[in-house]
Amino acid sequence: MSSIGRHISKLSGFAPAVPTPFDDDDGIDTAAFERFCERQIDMGATALVVCGTTGEAPTLRPAEHHVLVGIAVDVARGRVPVIAGAGSNSTAHAIELTRDAEAGGADAILSVVPYYNKPVQRGLYAHFQAIVQSTGLPVILYDVPSRTICGLADDTVARLAELPQVIGLNDATGDVTRPLRLRPLVGPDFRLLSGDDVTALAFLAQGGNGCISVTSNVAPGLCRNMFLACRQGQISSAQRWAAPVAKLTAALFRETNPVPLKHAMSLLGLMSAKVRLPLTRLGEHSEAELAAVIAQICDSYGEHMVGTIGPLARGSRRAAAG
């Protein structure tokens, strides 16, 4: 097994669900994306998760998927694995995205439960089985019923975990008891990852391995410290780190992800706040709240917890202080 294969098989900690930056012409800002991926690796990300929900995957064209995966792979240079979102409610389309991600050098795929058409559990199993059979890449299942309507039953996860390439689950159900239920069914090596920042600490405390995170895009240092304290059994310390993480997370989910996140990225001088329709810019009240929370984190915990602060962020801090 390659070194990256080992990284994927033992994936833990916080991996950012990376947003996709757009330029003034609504195209991909490749330079901003490259800089952002490098920043996340420098700040301790354990993987880069691209072309997922936070990356506005539903609005990305196949060629744009290919470009984003390629940039992430080139930036990572084997230092961390690149996990490519490759999901669809069409099995055939999901297979196309999976094969393209493999051709682009991705180390694994994140494959979401089919949305809108509401398959039953045997249909979900058949969907993921077909994807696994189409690729040599490891597959991480993505269960997010708030967006897909239907979800993966524990028994279906356990059946899929018997397929050697299915190595983990990104669980965005918010059910913090799920690691306790699933671990006896899937074995000790199967990666149980939270896909819900709100409940991530509780998920980790119940035996989860890590988190595919929106919040860590903004404050990777805080998220890393919270995870390390939890893993080392320092629960009081983990809870102290969790307090600012929870406050930031609440501000980042006042409106539909990734709208608040993209605004936060613009405050930090990392990328434009632009999102693609049907998403629209953040409301003014939410903008002010988010700016105030980021300013408070910088003042209380140090700017190094959110990486390099740009001119827009300094301006937002002055505004928040005023």
Protein backbone atom coordinates (compact mmCIF):
# COMPACT_ATOMS: atom_id res chain seq x y z
CA MET A 1 0.00 0.00 0.00
CA SER A 2 1.29 3.50 -0.89
CA SER A 3 2.00 6.09 1.80
CA ILE A 4 -1.13 7.97 0.78
CA GLY A 5 -3.09 4.73 0.95
CA ARG A 6 -1.96 4.35 4.54
CA HIS A 7 -2.93 7.96 5.27
CA ILE A 8 -6.41 7.33 3.94
CA SER A 9 -6.83 4.04 5.76
CA LYS A 10 -5.95 5.74 9.06
CA LEU A 11 -7.55 9.11 8.33
CA SER A 12 -8.32 11.11 11.49
CA GLY A 13 -8.48 14.68 12.72
CA PHE A 14 -10.03 17.62 10.91
CA ALA A 15 -10.12 17.65 7.12
CA PRO A 16 -11.55 20.81 5.57
CA ALA A 17 -14.44 20.58 3.13
CA VAL A 18 -12.80 23.07 0.79
CA PRO A 19 -14.89 25.85 -0.80
CA THR A 20 -14.55 26.66 -4.50
CA PRO A 21 -13.49 30.27 -5.18
CA PHE A 22 -15.07 32.05 -8.13
CA ASP A 23 -13.82 35.09 -10.04
CA ASP A 24 -15.77 38.09 -11.31
CA ASP A 25 -16.77 36.18 -14.44
CA ASP A 26 -18.19 33.27 -12.38
CA GLY A 27 -15.30 31.02 -13.36
CA ILE A 28 -13.01 29.20 -10.95
CA ASP A 29 -10.32 31.36 -9.37
CA THR A 30 -7.59 28.77 -9.69
CA ALA A 31 -4.90 30.92 -8.05
CA ALA A 32 -7.05 31.48 -4.94
CA PHE A 33 -7.89 27.78 -4.78
CA GLU A 34 -4.23 26.81 -5.00
CA ARG A 35 -3.26 29.27 -2.25
CA PHE A 36 -6.08 28.10 -0.03
CA CYS A 37 -5.17 24.41 -0.35
CA GLU A 38 -1.56 25.23 0.56
CA ARG A 39 -2.73 27.27 3.55
CA GLN A 40 -4.85 24.40 4.86
CA ILE A 41 -1.96 21.95 4.61
CA ASP A 42 0.34 24.42 6.38
CA MET A 43 -2.27 24.77 9.14
CA GLY A 44 -2.40 21.02 9.79
CA ALA A 45 -5.25 19.69 7.65
CA THR A 46 -5.20 15.89 7.54
CA ALA A 47 -6.76 15.79 4.06
CA LEU A 48 -8.25 18.08 1.42
CA VAL A 49 -11.88 17.34 0.58
CA VAL A 50 -12.76 19.04 -2.71
CA CYS A 51 -15.85 19.21 -4.93
CA GLY A 52 -18.23 18.40 -2.10
CA THR A 53 -21.26 20.23 -0.75
CA THR A 54 -19.11 23.08 0.55
CA GLY A 55 -17.37 23.22 -2.82
CA GLU A 56 -20.76 23.89 -4.50
CA ALA A 57 -20.51 20.61 -6.40
CA PRO A 58 -24.08 20.77 -7.79
CA THR A 59 -23.10 23.83 -9.84
CA LEU A 60 -19.72 22.56 -11.06
CA ARG A 61 -19.30 21.28 -14.58
CA PRO A 62 -17.37 18.00 -15.09
CA ALA A 63 -14.41 19.90 -16.52
CA GLU A 64 -14.34 22.09 -13.41
CA HIS A 65 -14.35 19.02 -11.17
CA HIS A 66 -11.32 17.81 -13.09
CA VAL A 67 -9.48 21.12 -12.73
CA LEU A 68 -10.13 21.39 -9.00
CA VAL A 69 -9.03 17.83 -8.26
CA GLY A 70 -5.89 18.34 -10.34
CA ILE A 71 -4.93 21.54 -8.53
CA ALA A 72 -5.47 19.96 -5.11
CA VAL A 73 -3.37 16.95 -6.08
CA ASP A 74 -0.58 19.17 -7.42
CA VAL A 75 -0.57 21.31 -4.27
CA ALA A 76 -0.72 18.35 -1.88
CA ARG A 77 2.24 16.58 -3.51
CA GLY A 78 1.61 13.51 -1.40
CA ARG A 79 1.75 15.39 1.91
CA VAL A 80 -1.95 14.79 2.62
CA PRO A 81 -4.55 12.79 0.71
CA VAL A 82 -6.99 14.46 -1.64
CA ILE A 83 -10.57 13.23 -1.31
CA ALA A 84 -12.75 14.15 -4.26
CA GLY A 85 -16.50 14.53 -4.05
CA ALA A 86 -17.92 12.34 -6.80
CA GLY A 87 -21.54 11.85 -5.87
CA SER A 88 -24.74 12.07 -7.85
CA ASN A 89 -28.31 10.84 -7.72
CA SER A 90 -27.55 9.12 -11.03
CA THR A 91 -25.37 6.06 -10.53
CA ALA A 92 -23.98 6.38 -14.05
CA HIS A 93 -23.02 10.01 -13.46
CA ALA A 94 -21.46 9.18 -10.10
CA ILE A 95 -19.34 6.54 -11.82
CA GLU A 96 -18.22 9.08 -14.45
CA LEU A 97 -17.19 11.55 -11.73
CA THR A 98 -15.44 8.78 -9.81
CA ARG A 99 -13.43 7.65 -12.83
CA ASP A 100 -12.49 11.22 -13.63
CA ALA A 101 -11.34 11.80 -10.05
CA GLU A 102 -9.22 8.67 -10.25
CA ALA A 103 -7.70 9.79 -13.54
CA GLY A 104 -6.97 13.18 -11.96
CA GLY A 105 -4.92 11.65 -9.16
CA ALA A 106 -7.36 11.74 -6.24
CA ASP A 107 -6.53 9.42 -3.35
CA ALA A 108 -10.15 8.60 -2.47
CA ILE A 109 -13.67 9.66 -3.29
CA LEU A 110 -16.48 10.94 -1.12
CA SER A 111 -19.72 9.47 -2.44
CA VAL A 112 -22.99 10.97 -1.26
CA VAL A 113 -26.28 9.16 -0.76
CA PRO A 114 -28.39 9.73 -3.92
CA TYR A 115 -30.65 12.71 -3.42
CA TYR A 116 -34.15 13.58 -4.63
CA ASN A 117 -35.15 10.17 -6.05
CA LYS A 118 -35.36 8.52 -2.58
CA PRO A 119 -34.11 4.95 -3.19
CA VAL A 120 -34.76 2.23 -0.62
CA GLN A 121 -31.86 0.58 1.21
CA ARG A 122 -31.31 -2.16 -1.38
CA GLY A 123 -31.10 0.56 -4.04
CA LEU A 124 -28.54 2.46 -1.96
CA TYR A 125 -26.47 -0.67 -1.55
CA ALA A 126 -26.59 -1.40 -5.28
CA HIS A 127 -25.66 2.22 -6.08
CA PHE A 128 -22.53 2.19 -3.95
CA GLN A 129 -21.61 -1.34 -4.97
CA ALA A 130 -21.64 -0.24 -8.63
CA ILE A 131 -19.41 2.73 -7.83
CA VAL A 132 -16.95 0.55 -5.94
CA GLN A 133 -16.79 -1.86 -8.86
CA SER A 134 -15.97 1.00 -11.25
CA THR A 135 -12.82 2.24 -9.51
CA GLY A 136 -9.65 1.25 -7.73
CA LEU A 137 -9.96 4.15 -5.28
CA PRO A 138 -11.03 3.92 -1.63
CA VAL A 139 -14.59 5.11 -1.12
CA ILE A 140 -15.92 7.14 1.82
CA LEU A 141 -19.71 7.07 2.10
CA TYR A 142 -21.46 10.37 2.75
CA ASP A 143 -24.72 10.28 4.70
CA VAL A 144 -26.40 13.71 4.87
CA PRO A 145 -30.18 13.18 5.10
CA SER A 146 -30.90 16.89 5.59
CA ARG A 147 -29.94 17.32 1.94
CA THR A 148 -30.72 13.91 0.45
CA ILE A 149 -34.04 13.17 2.26
CA CYS A 150 -33.19 9.49 2.63
CA GLY A 151 -30.29 8.14 4.66
CA LEU A 152 -28.08 5.09 5.07
CA ALA A 153 -29.34 2.59 7.66
CA ASP A 154 -26.76 1.17 10.03
CA ASP A 155 -27.21 -2.29 8.53
CA THR A 156 -26.55 -0.91 5.04
CA VAL A 157 -23.39 0.81 6.23
CA ALA A 158 -22.27 -2.48 7.78
CA ARG A 159 -22.94 -4.40 4.54
CA LEU A 160 -21.05 -1.82 2.49
CA ALA A 161 -18.15 -1.89 4.96
CA GLU A 162 -17.61 -5.50 3.97
CA LEU A 163 -16.49 -4.25 0.55
CA PRO A 164 -12.71 -3.74 0.93
CA GLN A 165 -12.67 -0.38 -0.87
CA VAL A 166 -15.33 1.15 1.38
CA ILE A 167 -13.13 2.53 4.13
CA GLY A 168 -15.29 5.02 5.98
CA LEU A 169 -18.42 7.04 6.54
CA ASN A 170 -18.84 10.80 6.62
CA ASP A 171 -21.81 11.04 8.97
CA ALA A 172 -23.71 14.33 8.77
CA THR A 173 -26.80 13.07 10.57
CA GLY A 174 -25.93 14.82 13.83
CA ASP A 175 -26.53 11.55 15.68
CA VAL A 176 -23.68 11.48 18.21
CA THR A 177 -24.57 7.94 19.33
CA ARG A 178 -23.87 6.51 15.91
CA PRO A 179 -20.17 5.69 16.46
CA LEU A 180 -21.13 3.51 19.43
CA ARG A 181 -23.71 1.65 17.34
CA LEU A 182 -21.60 1.31 14.20
CA ARG A 183 -18.20 0.41 15.61
CA PRO A 184 -19.14 -3.20 16.51
CA LEU A 185 -20.64 -3.59 13.02
CA VAL A 186 -17.80 -2.14 10.92
CA GLY A 187 -14.68 -3.04 12.88
CA PRO A 188 -11.88 -0.95 14.40
CA ASP A 189 -10.27 0.25 11.15
CA PHE A 190 -13.35 1.67 9.43
CA ARG A 191 -13.14 5.48 9.50
CA LEU A 192 -16.08 7.10 11.27
CA LEU A 193 -15.98 10.81 10.43
CA SER A 194 -18.38 13.50 11.55
CA GLY A 195 -19.81 15.63 8.77
CA ASP A 196 -21.53 17.92 11.26
CA ASP A 197 -19.40 20.58 12.96
CA VAL A 198 -22.11 21.30 15.53
CA THR A 199 -21.84 17.83 17.06
CA ALA A 200 -18.27 16.95 16.09
CA LEU A 201 -16.77 16.94 19.59
CA ALA A 202 -19.50 14.66 20.94
CA PHE A 203 -19.06 12.39 17.91
CA LEU A 204 -15.32 12.18 18.56
CA ALA A 205 -15.90 11.50 22.26
CA GLN A 206 -18.07 8.51 21.33
CA GLY A 207 -15.31 6.94 19.25
CA GLY A 208 -15.34 8.91 16.00
CA ASN A 209 -12.05 9.24 14.13
CA GLY A 210 -12.33 12.78 12.83
CA CYS A 211 -14.40 15.37 11.04
CA ILE A 212 -14.85 16.57 7.47
CA SER A 213 -15.34 20.15 8.52
CA VAL A 214 -16.67 23.47 7.30
CA THR A 215 -15.51 25.38 10.38
CA SER A 216 -11.87 24.29 10.06
CA ASN A 217 -11.65 26.29 6.84
CA VAL A 218 -11.84 29.42 9.02
CA ALA A 219 -10.17 28.32 12.27
CA PRO A 220 -8.04 25.25 11.59
CA GLY A 221 -5.92 25.88 14.69
CA LEU A 222 -8.88 25.85 17.05
CA CYS A 223 -10.30 22.69 15.49
CA ARG A 224 -6.95 20.92 15.62
CA ASN A 225 -6.42 21.79 19.28
CA MET A 226 -9.93 20.59 20.16
CA PHE A 227 -9.33 17.29 18.38
CA LEU A 228 -5.92 16.70 19.96
CA ALA A 229 -7.23 17.42 23.45
CA CYS A 230 -10.12 15.00 22.92
CA ARG A 231 -7.85 12.28 21.55
CA GLN A 232 -5.52 12.66 24.53
CA GLY A 233 -8.42 12.33 26.96
CA GLN A 234 -8.20 15.95 28.10
CA ILE A 235 -11.94 16.50 28.04
CA SER A 236 -11.96 19.79 29.97
CA SER A 237 -9.38 21.21 27.60
CA ALA A 238 -11.32 19.95 24.59
CA GLN A 239 -14.45 21.63 25.91
CA ARG A 240 -12.61 24.94 26.33
CA TRP A 241 -11.47 24.81 22.72
CA ALA A 242 -14.96 23.75 21.68
CA ALA A 243 -16.54 26.97 23.01
CA PRO A 244 -15.15 29.32 20.32
CA VAL A 245 -15.52 26.59 17.69
CA ALA A 246 -19.22 26.30 18.55
CA LYS A 247 -19.73 30.05 18.37
CA LEU A 248 -18.02 30.24 14.98
CA THR A 249 -19.94 27.23 13.71
CA ALA A 250 -23.25 28.81 14.68
CA ALA A 251 -22.36 31.93 12.69
CA LEU A 252 -21.26 29.83 9.70
CA PHE A 253 -24.61 28.04 9.54
CA ARG A 254 -26.99 30.98 9.96
CA GLU A 255 -27.69 30.58 6.25
CA THR A 256 -27.12 27.76 3.78
CA ASN A 257 -23.57 26.44 3.59
CA PRO A 258 -21.31 27.61 1.98
CA VAL A 259 -22.76 31.14 1.77
CA PRO A 260 -21.52 32.28 5.23
CA LEU A 261 -18.23 30.42 4.77
CA LYS A 262 -17.50 32.19 1.49
CA HIS A 263 -18.15 35.52 3.21
CA ALA A 264 -15.76 34.52 6.01
CA MET A 265 -13.15 33.64 3.40
CA SER A 266 -13.52 37.12 1.91
CA LEU A 267 -13.10 38.71 5.35
CA LEU A 268 -9.86 36.77 5.73
CA GLY A 269 -8.68 37.92 2.31
CA LEU A 270 -8.56 34.35 1.00
CA MET A 271 -11.14 34.36 -1.78
CA SER A 272 -14.18 36.16 -3.08
CA ALA A 273 -17.52 35.78 -1.33
CA LYS A 274 -19.14 34.93 -4.67
CA VAL A 275 -21.42 31.91 -4.81
CA ARG A 276 -23.25 30.50 -7.80
CA LEU A 277 -26.98 30.73 -8.26
CA PRO A 278 -29.33 29.63 -6.85
CA LEU A 279 -27.27 30.59 -3.78
CA THR A 280 -27.03 34.32 -3.08
CA ARG A 281 -24.85 36.53 -0.89
CA LEU A 282 -25.12 36.56 2.88
CA GLY A 283 -27.66 38.84 4.54
CA GLU A 284 -26.37 42.02 6.20
CA HIS A 285 -27.25 40.96 9.74
CA SER A 286 -25.47 37.63 9.30
CA GLU A 287 -22.47 39.42 7.76
CA ALA A 288 -22.10 41.63 10.82
CA GLU A 289 -22.46 38.71 13.22
CA LEU A 290 -19.86 36.65 11.39
CA ALA A 291 -17.38 39.53 11.27
CA ALA A 292 -17.78 40.08 15.00
CA VAL A 293 -17.21 36.40 15.81
CA ILE A 294 -14.06 36.21 13.67
CA ALA A 295 -12.73 39.40 15.25
CA GLN A 296 -13.37 38.01 18.74
CA ILE A 297 -11.55 34.76 17.93
CA CYS A 298 -8.56 36.67 16.59
CA ASP A 299 -8.45 38.92 19.66
CA SER A 300 -8.97 36.13 22.19
CA TYR A 301 -6.94 33.29 20.69
CA GLY A 302 -4.53 34.93 18.29
CA GLU A 303 -4.58 35.42 14.54
CA HIS A 304 -2.49 32.27 14.09
CA MET A 305 -5.61 30.23 14.87
CA VAL A 306 -7.12 31.38 11.59
CA GLY A 307 -3.92 31.71 9.57
CA THR A 308 -2.92 34.83 7.70
CA ILE A 309 -5.38 37.69 8.08
CA GLY A 310 -5.85 39.89 5.03
CA PRO A 311 -6.79 43.57 4.74
CA LEU A 312 -10.49 42.76 4.50
CA ALA A 313 -10.31 40.93 7.82
CA ARG A 314 -8.55 43.83 9.51
CA GLY A 315 -11.23 46.14 8.22
CA SER A 316 -13.93 43.83 9.54
CA ARG A 317 -12.23 43.77 12.93
CA ARG A 318 -12.23 47.57 13.10
CA ALA A 319 -15.88 47.62 12.10
CA ALA A 320 -16.77 44.99 14.69
CA ALA A 321 -14.86 46.88 17.37
CA GLY A 322 -16.65 50.09 16.46
